[in-house]
Amino acid sequence: MKTKLLCLMVGLQTLWVIATVAVQEAKLSRGTVVRLETRLVDPRDLLRGDFLILNYDISTLNETLFKGGLTNTVPHGTPVYVKLKRDGEFHRAVEASFSPLAAEADHPVLRGTSTSARPLLQGDPAGLNVEYGLERFYVREGTGNPSGKLTVDVAIPSSGKGIIREMFLDGVNYAEAMKKQNP
């Protein structure tokens, strides 16, 4: 009886791991892939290992992207939906809303949350700060301090919750670029 229970527990744990991987891979393969410009904010954390904290051009949304503008206060954690459009090599925000937007073939919608709880002033040049869950990218030890232009390919499934698919440094895959910089 104990052996059967042990086998069942191990089997369920294995199934859970496989299902988690399968769900993530399905999102990556079926999602619309967009390329975003990014800026490096902080390259290291001694306790967690090497990773990059990223800030995107779409992390600050101008109030003109919201139909009817912004209200005086946007509470921290408010869902924000951002419609993207390809503009040259990168995708840019063309519309934003606090209610779900309909994604189109050429206009995927990325879902994020507001990070500023401060009152917004009319014409505030800073706009609304938004996080998408794409702000942290873990890298191999010793490769967390790149020099060059970072870009990210993001897969956006129908849920709108983007997943980093690939990181580039000066147009080259991040891992390959860092091997050249740190032989």
N, C-alpha and C. Protein backbone atom coordinates (compact mmCIF):
# COMPACT_ATOMS: atom_id res chain seq x y z
N MET A 1 0.82 -1.19 0.00
CA MET A 1 0.00 0.00 0.00
C MET A 1 0.87 1.26 0.00
N LYS A 2 1.92 1.25 0.85
CA LYS A 2 2.80 2.42 0.92
C LYS A 2 3.53 2.64 -0.40
N THR A 3 3.91 1.55 -1.05
CA THR A 3 4.61 1.66 -2.34
C THR A 3 3.70 2.27 -3.39
N LYS A 4 2.44 1.85 -3.41
CA LYS A 4 1.49 2.40 -4.37
C LYS A 4 1.25 3.88 -4.12
N LEU A 5 1.14 4.27 -2.87
CA LEU A 5 0.94 5.67 -2.51
C LEU A 5 2.16 6.51 -2.92
N LEU A 6 3.34 5.97 -2.67
CA LEU A 6 4.58 6.66 -3.05
C LEU A 6 4.64 6.82 -4.57
N CYS A 7 4.34 5.78 -5.31
CA CYS A 7 4.34 5.85 -6.78
C CYS A 7 3.32 6.87 -7.28
N LEU A 8 2.16 6.89 -6.65
CA LEU A 8 1.12 7.86 -7.03
C LEU A 8 1.60 9.29 -6.80
N MET A 9 2.23 9.54 -5.65
CA MET A 9 2.73 10.89 -5.33
C MET A 9 3.82 11.32 -6.30
N VAL A 10 4.75 10.44 -6.58
CA VAL A 10 5.83 10.75 -7.53
C VAL A 10 5.24 10.97 -8.92
N GLY A 11 4.29 10.15 -9.30
CA GLY A 11 3.64 10.30 -10.61
C GLY A 11 2.91 11.62 -10.74
N LEU A 12 2.19 12.04 -9.69
CA LEU A 12 1.47 13.31 -9.72
C LEU A 12 2.44 14.50 -9.79
N GLN A 13 3.53 14.42 -9.05
CA GLN A 13 4.53 15.50 -9.10
C GLN A 13 5.16 15.60 -10.49
N THR A 14 5.47 14.46 -11.07
CA THR A 14 6.05 14.44 -12.42
C THR A 14 5.05 15.00 -13.42
N LEU A 15 3.81 14.61 -13.31
CA LEU A 15 2.76 15.11 -14.20
C LEU A 15 2.60 16.62 -14.06
N TRP A 16 2.67 17.13 -12.84
CA TRP A 16 2.55 18.57 -12.60
C TRP A 16 3.69 19.33 -13.28
N VAL A 17 4.92 18.84 -13.17
CA VAL A 17 6.07 19.49 -13.81
C VAL A 17 5.92 19.47 -15.32
N ILE A 18 5.54 18.35 -15.89
CA ILE A 18 5.36 18.23 -17.34
C ILE A 18 4.25 19.16 -17.82
N ALA A 19 3.15 19.21 -17.08
CA ALA A 19 2.03 20.08 -17.47
C ALA A 19 2.43 21.55 -17.42
N THR A 20 3.20 21.95 -16.42
CA THR A 20 3.66 23.34 -16.30
C THR A 20 4.52 23.71 -17.51
N VAL A 21 5.44 22.85 -17.87
CA VAL A 21 6.31 23.10 -19.02
C VAL A 21 5.47 23.14 -20.30
N ALA A 22 4.54 22.22 -20.45
CA ALA A 22 3.70 22.17 -21.65
C ALA A 22 2.88 23.45 -21.81
N VAL A 23 2.33 23.97 -20.73
CA VAL A 23 1.54 25.20 -20.79
C VAL A 23 2.41 26.38 -21.22
N GLN A 24 3.61 26.50 -20.65
CA GLN A 24 4.52 27.59 -21.02
C GLN A 24 4.95 27.47 -22.49
N GLU A 25 5.27 26.28 -22.93
CA GLU A 25 5.68 26.08 -24.32
C GLU A 25 4.54 26.38 -25.29
N ALA A 26 3.31 26.05 -24.91
CA ALA A 26 2.15 26.35 -25.75
C ALA A 26 1.98 27.87 -25.90
N LYS A 27 2.16 28.61 -24.79
CA LYS A 27 2.07 30.07 -24.85
C LYS A 27 3.14 30.65 -25.75
N LEU A 28 4.36 30.12 -25.64
CA LEU A 28 5.46 30.62 -26.47
C LEU A 28 5.25 30.33 -27.95
N SER A 29 4.73 29.15 -28.27
CA SER A 29 4.60 28.77 -29.67
C SER A 29 3.36 29.36 -30.34
N ARG A 30 2.28 29.58 -29.59
CA ARG A 30 1.04 30.09 -30.18
C ARG A 30 0.89 31.60 -30.08
N GLY A 31 1.67 32.23 -29.23
CA GLY A 31 1.53 33.67 -29.02
C GLY A 31 2.08 34.48 -30.18
N THR A 32 1.54 35.69 -30.35
CA THR A 32 2.05 36.63 -31.34
C THR A 32 3.38 37.16 -30.82
N VAL A 33 4.40 37.13 -31.66
CA VAL A 33 5.73 37.57 -31.25
C VAL A 33 5.93 39.03 -31.65
N VAL A 34 6.30 39.85 -30.68
CA VAL A 34 6.59 41.27 -30.93
C VAL A 34 8.00 41.56 -30.42
N ARG A 35 8.64 42.55 -31.02
CA ARG A 35 9.98 42.96 -30.58
C ARG A 35 9.86 44.30 -29.89
N LEU A 36 10.43 44.40 -28.69
CA LEU A 36 10.35 45.61 -27.89
C LEU A 36 11.74 46.15 -27.61
N GLU A 37 11.84 47.48 -27.64
CA GLU A 37 13.07 48.15 -27.22
C GLU A 37 13.10 48.16 -25.71
N THR A 38 14.27 48.03 -25.15
CA THR A 38 14.38 48.00 -23.70
C THR A 38 15.64 48.72 -23.24
N ARG A 39 15.65 49.05 -21.97
CA ARG A 39 16.81 49.68 -21.35
C ARG A 39 17.15 48.90 -20.09
N LEU A 40 18.42 48.70 -19.86
CA LEU A 40 18.89 48.00 -18.68
C LEU A 40 18.78 48.93 -17.47
N VAL A 41 18.23 48.44 -16.37
CA VAL A 41 18.09 49.25 -15.17
C VAL A 41 19.11 48.84 -14.11
N ASP A 42 19.20 47.55 -13.79
CA ASP A 42 20.07 47.08 -12.72
C ASP A 42 20.58 45.69 -13.08
N PRO A 43 21.89 45.50 -13.25
CA PRO A 43 22.37 44.23 -13.79
C PRO A 43 22.56 43.08 -12.81
N ARG A 44 22.57 43.28 -11.49
CA ARG A 44 22.93 42.18 -10.59
C ARG A 44 22.13 42.17 -9.31
N ASP A 45 22.04 40.98 -8.74
CA ASP A 45 21.52 40.79 -7.40
C ASP A 45 22.38 39.69 -6.78
N LEU A 46 23.15 40.05 -5.78
CA LEU A 46 24.10 39.10 -5.21
C LEU A 46 23.42 37.89 -4.57
N LEU A 47 22.20 38.04 -4.09
CA LEU A 47 21.53 36.93 -3.42
C LEU A 47 20.81 35.98 -4.39
N ARG A 48 20.38 36.49 -5.53
CA ARG A 48 19.60 35.67 -6.46
C ARG A 48 20.36 35.26 -7.71
N GLY A 49 21.55 35.75 -7.89
CA GLY A 49 22.30 35.43 -9.09
C GLY A 49 22.20 36.56 -10.10
N ASP A 50 22.68 36.30 -11.28
CA ASP A 50 22.72 37.32 -12.31
C ASP A 50 21.39 37.38 -13.05
N PHE A 51 20.88 38.56 -13.15
CA PHE A 51 19.70 38.79 -13.98
C PHE A 51 19.69 40.24 -14.38
N LEU A 52 18.88 40.55 -15.36
CA LEU A 52 18.74 41.91 -15.85
C LEU A 52 17.36 42.42 -15.46
N ILE A 53 17.30 43.64 -14.95
CA ILE A 53 16.01 44.29 -14.74
C ILE A 53 15.83 45.22 -15.92
N LEU A 54 14.73 45.04 -16.63
CA LEU A 54 14.50 45.75 -17.88
C LEU A 54 13.39 46.78 -17.75
N ASN A 55 13.53 47.83 -18.49
CA ASN A 55 12.50 48.86 -18.59
C ASN A 55 12.25 49.08 -20.07
N TYR A 56 11.00 49.04 -20.48
CA TYR A 56 10.64 49.13 -21.89
C TYR A 56 10.14 50.52 -22.24
N ASP A 57 10.18 50.86 -23.52
CA ASP A 57 9.60 52.12 -23.96
C ASP A 57 8.11 52.17 -23.63
N ILE A 58 7.46 51.00 -23.66
CA ILE A 58 6.02 50.95 -23.36
C ILE A 58 5.73 50.85 -21.87
N SER A 59 6.78 50.98 -21.03
CA SER A 59 6.58 50.94 -19.58
C SER A 59 6.01 52.25 -19.04
N THR A 60 6.12 53.31 -19.81
CA THR A 60 5.51 54.59 -19.46
C THR A 60 4.55 54.97 -20.58
N LEU A 61 3.26 55.03 -20.25
CA LEU A 61 2.24 55.31 -21.26
C LEU A 61 1.77 56.75 -21.15
N ASN A 62 1.81 57.45 -22.26
CA ASN A 62 1.33 58.82 -22.32
C ASN A 62 -0.19 58.82 -22.20
N GLU A 63 -0.74 59.84 -21.55
CA GLU A 63 -2.19 59.88 -21.35
C GLU A 63 -2.97 59.95 -22.65
N THR A 64 -2.34 60.39 -23.75
CA THR A 64 -3.04 60.47 -25.03
C THR A 64 -3.39 59.09 -25.58
N LEU A 65 -2.76 58.03 -25.07
CA LEU A 65 -3.07 56.67 -25.52
C LEU A 65 -4.41 56.18 -24.96
N PHE A 66 -4.89 56.82 -23.89
CA PHE A 66 -6.15 56.42 -23.27
C PHE A 66 -7.28 57.24 -23.86
N LYS A 67 -8.31 56.58 -24.36
CA LYS A 67 -9.47 57.32 -24.87
C LYS A 67 -10.11 58.07 -23.71
N GLY A 68 -10.26 59.36 -23.85
CA GLY A 68 -10.82 60.17 -22.78
C GLY A 68 -9.78 60.57 -21.75
N GLY A 69 -8.52 60.25 -21.97
CA GLY A 69 -7.46 60.62 -21.04
C GLY A 69 -7.45 59.75 -19.80
N LEU A 70 -6.70 60.20 -18.80
CA LEU A 70 -6.57 59.46 -17.54
C LEU A 70 -7.38 60.15 -16.45
N THR A 71 -7.81 59.37 -15.48
CA THR A 71 -8.47 59.94 -14.31
C THR A 71 -7.40 60.52 -13.38
N ASN A 72 -7.82 61.20 -12.35
CA ASN A 72 -6.86 61.83 -11.44
C ASN A 72 -5.97 60.84 -10.72
N THR A 73 -6.52 59.70 -10.32
CA THR A 73 -5.74 58.71 -9.58
C THR A 73 -5.93 57.34 -10.21
N VAL A 74 -4.83 56.66 -10.44
CA VAL A 74 -4.87 55.29 -10.93
C VAL A 74 -4.24 54.43 -9.83
N PRO A 75 -5.04 53.61 -9.14
CA PRO A 75 -4.50 52.81 -8.03
C PRO A 75 -3.44 51.82 -8.50
N HIS A 76 -2.46 51.58 -7.65
CA HIS A 76 -1.41 50.62 -7.91
C HIS A 76 -2.05 49.24 -8.16
N GLY A 77 -1.60 48.55 -9.19
CA GLY A 77 -2.11 47.21 -9.49
C GLY A 77 -3.32 47.17 -10.39
N THR A 78 -3.76 48.33 -10.90
CA THR A 78 -4.90 48.36 -11.82
C THR A 78 -4.50 47.71 -13.14
N PRO A 79 -5.30 46.77 -13.67
CA PRO A 79 -4.97 46.17 -14.96
C PRO A 79 -4.98 47.23 -16.08
N VAL A 80 -3.98 47.14 -16.95
CA VAL A 80 -3.86 48.06 -18.08
C VAL A 80 -3.66 47.20 -19.34
N TYR A 81 -4.43 47.48 -20.37
CA TYR A 81 -4.34 46.76 -21.63
C TYR A 81 -3.75 47.69 -22.67
N VAL A 82 -2.69 47.23 -23.36
CA VAL A 82 -1.97 48.08 -24.30
C VAL A 82 -1.96 47.42 -25.67
N LYS A 83 -2.53 48.12 -26.64
CA LYS A 83 -2.54 47.64 -28.02
C LYS A 83 -1.26 48.10 -28.69
N LEU A 84 -0.58 47.15 -29.34
CA LEU A 84 0.70 47.43 -29.97
C LEU A 84 0.58 47.41 -31.49
N LYS A 85 1.47 48.16 -32.13
CA LYS A 85 1.53 48.17 -33.59
C LYS A 85 3.00 48.22 -33.99
N ARG A 86 3.32 47.47 -35.01
CA ARG A 86 4.71 47.46 -35.50
C ARG A 86 5.04 48.81 -36.12
N ASP A 87 6.18 49.36 -35.68
CA ASP A 87 6.66 50.64 -36.20
C ASP A 87 8.13 50.46 -36.52
N GLY A 88 8.43 50.09 -37.76
CA GLY A 88 9.79 49.75 -38.13
C GLY A 88 10.15 48.39 -37.56
N GLU A 89 11.26 48.32 -36.84
CA GLU A 89 11.72 47.06 -36.28
C GLU A 89 10.96 46.68 -35.01
N PHE A 90 10.43 47.68 -34.30
CA PHE A 90 9.84 47.45 -32.99
C PHE A 90 8.33 47.69 -32.98
N HIS A 91 7.70 47.19 -31.93
CA HIS A 91 6.28 47.45 -31.70
C HIS A 91 6.17 48.60 -30.70
N ARG A 92 5.21 49.47 -30.93
CA ARG A 92 4.97 50.63 -30.07
C ARG A 92 3.51 50.60 -29.61
N ALA A 93 3.25 51.26 -28.50
CA ALA A 93 1.88 51.37 -27.98
C ALA A 93 1.10 52.36 -28.84
N VAL A 94 -0.10 51.96 -29.26
CA VAL A 94 -0.96 52.85 -30.04
C VAL A 94 -2.28 53.14 -29.32
N GLU A 95 -2.61 52.33 -28.32
CA GLU A 95 -3.84 52.54 -27.56
C GLU A 95 -3.69 51.85 -26.21
N ALA A 96 -4.30 52.44 -25.19
CA ALA A 96 -4.27 51.84 -23.86
C ALA A 96 -5.64 52.00 -23.21
N SER A 97 -5.97 51.07 -22.33
CA SER A 97 -7.28 51.10 -21.68
C SER A 97 -7.20 50.33 -20.36
N PHE A 98 -8.14 50.66 -19.47
CA PHE A 98 -8.25 49.91 -18.21
C PHE A 98 -9.23 48.76 -18.36
N SER A 99 -9.93 48.68 -19.50
CA SER A 99 -10.78 47.53 -19.80
C SER A 99 -10.17 46.78 -20.99
N PRO A 100 -10.45 45.49 -21.09
CA PRO A 100 -9.84 44.69 -22.15
C PRO A 100 -10.07 45.28 -23.55
N LEU A 101 -9.02 45.21 -24.36
CA LEU A 101 -9.08 45.65 -25.75
C LEU A 101 -9.07 44.41 -26.64
N ALA A 102 -9.70 44.51 -27.78
CA ALA A 102 -9.73 43.39 -28.72
C ALA A 102 -8.42 43.35 -29.51
N ALA A 103 -7.76 42.22 -29.48
CA ALA A 103 -6.53 42.05 -30.25
C ALA A 103 -6.89 41.81 -31.71
N GLU A 104 -6.06 42.31 -32.59
CA GLU A 104 -6.23 42.10 -34.03
C GLU A 104 -4.96 41.47 -34.55
N ALA A 105 -5.00 41.00 -35.79
CA ALA A 105 -3.85 40.30 -36.36
C ALA A 105 -2.57 41.15 -36.29
N ASP A 106 -2.66 42.42 -36.64
CA ASP A 106 -1.49 43.30 -36.65
C ASP A 106 -1.37 44.13 -35.38
N HIS A 107 -2.30 43.96 -34.45
CA HIS A 107 -2.31 44.76 -33.23
C HIS A 107 -2.54 43.88 -32.00
N PRO A 108 -1.49 43.17 -31.55
CA PRO A 108 -1.66 42.35 -30.33
C PRO A 108 -1.86 43.24 -29.12
N VAL A 109 -2.48 42.68 -28.09
CA VAL A 109 -2.74 43.43 -26.85
C VAL A 109 -1.95 42.78 -25.72
N LEU A 110 -1.13 43.60 -25.06
CA LEU A 110 -0.31 43.17 -23.94
C LEU A 110 -0.97 43.65 -22.65
N ARG A 111 -1.06 42.77 -21.66
CA ARG A 111 -1.70 43.11 -20.39
C ARG A 111 -0.64 43.38 -19.34
N GLY A 112 -0.81 44.47 -18.61
CA GLY A 112 0.10 44.81 -17.54
C GLY A 112 -0.67 45.36 -16.36
N THR A 113 0.05 45.90 -15.38
CA THR A 113 -0.59 46.52 -14.22
C THR A 113 0.10 47.85 -13.93
N SER A 114 -0.71 48.81 -13.45
CA SER A 114 -0.14 50.12 -13.12
C SER A 114 0.74 49.99 -11.89
N THR A 115 1.80 50.79 -11.87
CA THR A 115 2.72 50.74 -10.73
C THR A 115 2.76 52.06 -9.98
N SER A 116 2.03 53.04 -10.45
CA SER A 116 2.05 54.34 -9.76
C SER A 116 0.69 54.59 -9.14
N ALA A 117 0.69 54.96 -7.89
CA ALA A 117 -0.56 55.26 -7.20
C ALA A 117 -0.68 56.76 -6.95
N ARG A 118 0.26 57.53 -7.49
CA ARG A 118 0.24 58.97 -7.28
C ARG A 118 -0.84 59.62 -8.14
N PRO A 119 -1.34 60.76 -7.74
CA PRO A 119 -2.30 61.46 -8.57
C PRO A 119 -1.63 61.90 -9.88
N LEU A 120 -2.33 61.74 -10.98
CA LEU A 120 -1.81 62.15 -12.28
C LEU A 120 -2.37 63.52 -12.64
N LEU A 121 -1.51 64.37 -13.10
CA LEU A 121 -1.92 65.71 -13.49
C LEU A 121 -2.19 65.75 -14.98
N GLN A 122 -3.12 66.60 -15.39
CA GLN A 122 -3.43 66.75 -16.80
C GLN A 122 -2.15 67.17 -17.52
N GLY A 123 -1.81 66.48 -18.59
CA GLY A 123 -0.62 66.81 -19.35
C GLY A 123 0.67 66.34 -18.71
N ASP A 124 0.59 65.44 -17.73
CA ASP A 124 1.76 64.92 -17.05
C ASP A 124 2.68 64.25 -18.07
N PRO A 125 3.89 64.78 -18.27
CA PRO A 125 4.76 64.21 -19.30
C PRO A 125 5.23 62.80 -18.96
N ALA A 126 5.24 62.44 -17.67
CA ALA A 126 5.71 61.11 -17.29
C ALA A 126 4.70 60.04 -17.66
N GLY A 127 3.42 60.36 -17.66
CA GLY A 127 2.40 59.38 -17.99
C GLY A 127 2.21 58.35 -16.91
N LEU A 128 1.67 57.21 -17.28
CA LEU A 128 1.36 56.14 -16.35
C LEU A 128 2.42 55.05 -16.45
N ASN A 129 2.98 54.64 -15.33
CA ASN A 129 3.98 53.57 -15.31
C ASN A 129 3.28 52.23 -15.23
N VAL A 130 3.73 51.28 -16.08
CA VAL A 130 3.09 49.97 -16.19
C VAL A 130 4.15 48.88 -16.17
N GLU A 131 3.87 47.80 -15.46
CA GLU A 131 4.71 46.60 -15.49
C GLU A 131 3.95 45.48 -16.19
N TYR A 132 4.69 44.68 -16.97
CA TYR A 132 4.07 43.62 -17.76
C TYR A 132 4.48 42.21 -17.32
N GLY A 133 5.31 42.12 -16.28
CA GLY A 133 5.83 40.81 -15.88
C GLY A 133 7.00 40.39 -16.75
N LEU A 134 7.54 41.33 -17.52
CA LEU A 134 8.66 41.07 -18.42
C LEU A 134 9.91 41.82 -17.99
N GLU A 135 9.91 42.31 -16.78
CA GLU A 135 10.96 43.22 -16.33
C GLU A 135 12.20 42.50 -15.78
N ARG A 136 12.17 41.20 -15.66
CA ARG A 136 13.31 40.46 -15.11
C ARG A 136 13.69 39.32 -16.06
N PHE A 137 14.98 39.27 -16.40
CA PHE A 137 15.50 38.23 -17.31
C PHE A 137 16.75 37.65 -16.69
N TYR A 138 16.71 36.37 -16.31
CA TYR A 138 17.84 35.70 -15.68
C TYR A 138 18.85 35.28 -16.74
N VAL A 139 20.12 35.44 -16.40
CA VAL A 139 21.20 35.14 -17.34
C VAL A 139 22.24 34.25 -16.67
N ARG A 140 23.11 33.69 -17.49
CA ARG A 140 24.19 32.84 -17.00
C ARG A 140 25.13 33.67 -16.13
N GLU A 141 25.69 33.07 -15.10
CA GLU A 141 26.57 33.77 -14.18
C GLU A 141 27.71 34.47 -14.92
N GLY A 142 27.95 35.71 -14.54
CA GLY A 142 29.02 36.49 -15.14
C GLY A 142 28.64 37.22 -16.41
N THR A 143 27.37 37.12 -16.82
CA THR A 143 26.95 37.77 -18.07
C THR A 143 25.88 38.83 -17.81
N GLY A 144 25.80 39.32 -16.58
CA GLY A 144 24.74 40.26 -16.22
C GLY A 144 25.10 41.72 -16.39
N ASN A 145 26.18 42.04 -17.10
CA ASN A 145 26.57 43.43 -17.28
C ASN A 145 26.89 43.71 -18.74
N PRO A 146 25.87 43.69 -19.61
CA PRO A 146 26.12 43.87 -21.04
C PRO A 146 26.37 45.33 -21.40
N SER A 147 27.07 45.53 -22.50
CA SER A 147 27.21 46.87 -23.05
C SER A 147 26.74 46.80 -24.50
N GLY A 148 25.70 47.54 -24.80
CA GLY A 148 25.11 47.54 -26.13
C GLY A 148 23.62 47.72 -26.04
N LYS A 149 22.96 47.64 -27.18
CA LYS A 149 21.51 47.85 -27.25
C LYS A 149 20.77 46.53 -27.02
N LEU A 150 19.90 46.53 -26.01
CA LEU A 150 19.10 45.35 -25.69
C LEU A 150 17.74 45.43 -26.37
N THR A 151 17.32 44.33 -26.95
CA THR A 151 15.96 44.21 -27.49
C THR A 151 15.43 42.85 -27.06
N VAL A 152 14.11 42.73 -27.02
CA VAL A 152 13.48 41.52 -26.52
C VAL A 152 12.37 41.10 -27.47
N ASP A 153 12.31 39.81 -27.78
CA ASP A 153 11.16 39.24 -28.49
C ASP A 153 10.23 38.68 -27.42
N VAL A 154 8.99 39.12 -27.47
CA VAL A 154 7.98 38.71 -26.49
C VAL A 154 6.86 37.98 -27.20
N ALA A 155 6.48 36.81 -26.70
CA ALA A 155 5.32 36.08 -27.21
C ALA A 155 4.11 36.51 -26.40
N ILE A 156 3.05 36.94 -27.10
CA ILE A 156 1.84 37.39 -26.43
C ILE A 156 0.70 36.43 -26.77
N PRO A 157 0.33 35.54 -25.83
CA PRO A 157 -0.80 34.64 -26.08
C PRO A 157 -2.13 35.41 -25.99
N SER A 158 -3.21 34.73 -26.21
CA SER A 158 -4.53 35.38 -26.20
C SER A 158 -4.87 35.98 -24.84
N SER A 159 -4.25 35.50 -23.77
CA SER A 159 -4.50 36.05 -22.43
C SER A 159 -3.90 37.44 -22.27
N GLY A 160 -2.94 37.79 -23.12
CA GLY A 160 -2.29 39.10 -23.04
C GLY A 160 -1.09 39.14 -22.11
N LYS A 161 -0.83 38.07 -21.36
CA LYS A 161 0.31 38.02 -20.45
C LYS A 161 1.54 37.57 -21.24
N GLY A 162 2.39 38.52 -21.60
CA GLY A 162 3.55 38.25 -22.43
C GLY A 162 4.60 37.41 -21.73
N ILE A 163 5.40 36.71 -22.53
CA ILE A 163 6.50 35.88 -22.05
C ILE A 163 7.72 36.21 -22.89
N ILE A 164 8.85 36.47 -22.24
CA ILE A 164 10.08 36.74 -23.00
C ILE A 164 10.47 35.47 -23.75
N ARG A 165 10.59 35.61 -25.05
CA ARG A 165 10.95 34.47 -25.89
C ARG A 165 12.46 34.46 -26.15
N GLU A 166 13.01 35.65 -26.41
CA GLU A 166 14.44 35.74 -26.68
C GLU A 166 14.93 37.15 -26.43
N MET A 167 16.16 37.27 -25.96
CA MET A 167 16.80 38.56 -25.70
C MET A 167 17.94 38.72 -26.69
N PHE A 168 18.11 39.96 -27.18
CA PHE A 168 19.17 40.26 -28.13
C PHE A 168 20.03 41.40 -27.60
N LEU A 169 21.30 41.33 -27.88
CA LEU A 169 22.25 42.40 -27.56
C LEU A 169 22.86 42.82 -28.89
N ASP A 170 22.59 44.05 -29.30
CA ASP A 170 23.04 44.57 -30.61
C ASP A 170 22.62 43.64 -31.74
N GLY A 171 21.40 43.10 -31.66
CA GLY A 171 20.85 42.28 -32.73
C GLY A 171 21.30 40.83 -32.73
N VAL A 172 22.14 40.43 -31.78
CA VAL A 172 22.64 39.05 -31.69
C VAL A 172 22.04 38.42 -30.44
N ASN A 173 21.72 37.12 -30.53
CA ASN A 173 21.20 36.39 -29.37
C ASN A 173 22.06 36.70 -28.15
N TYR A 174 21.42 37.00 -27.02
CA TYR A 174 22.12 37.48 -25.82
C TYR A 174 23.23 36.54 -25.38
N ALA A 175 22.95 35.25 -25.29
CA ALA A 175 23.95 34.29 -24.82
C ALA A 175 25.16 34.28 -25.75
N GLU A 176 24.93 34.31 -27.06
CA GLU A 176 26.02 34.31 -28.03
C GLU A 176 26.83 35.61 -27.94
N ALA A 177 26.13 36.74 -27.80
CA ALA A 177 26.81 38.03 -27.71
C ALA A 177 27.69 38.11 -26.47
N MET A 178 27.21 37.57 -25.36
CA MET A 178 27.98 37.63 -24.12
C MET A 178 29.19 36.68 -24.19
N LYS A 179 29.09 35.60 -24.95
CA LYS A 179 30.25 34.72 -25.12
C LYS A 179 31.36 35.47 -25.85
N LYS A 180 30.99 36.32 -26.80
CA LYS A 180 31.97 37.11 -27.54
C LYS A 180 32.57 38.19 -26.66
N GLN A 181 31.74 38.80 -25.79
CA GLN A 181 32.23 39.87 -24.91
C GLN A 181 33.08 39.32 -23.77
N ASN A 182 32.72 38.13 -23.26
CA ASN A 182 33.42 37.52 -22.13
C ASN A 182 33.92 36.13 -22.53
N PRO A 183 34.98 36.04 -23.33
CA PRO A 183 35.44 34.71 -23.79
C PRO A 183 35.95 33.83 -22.69
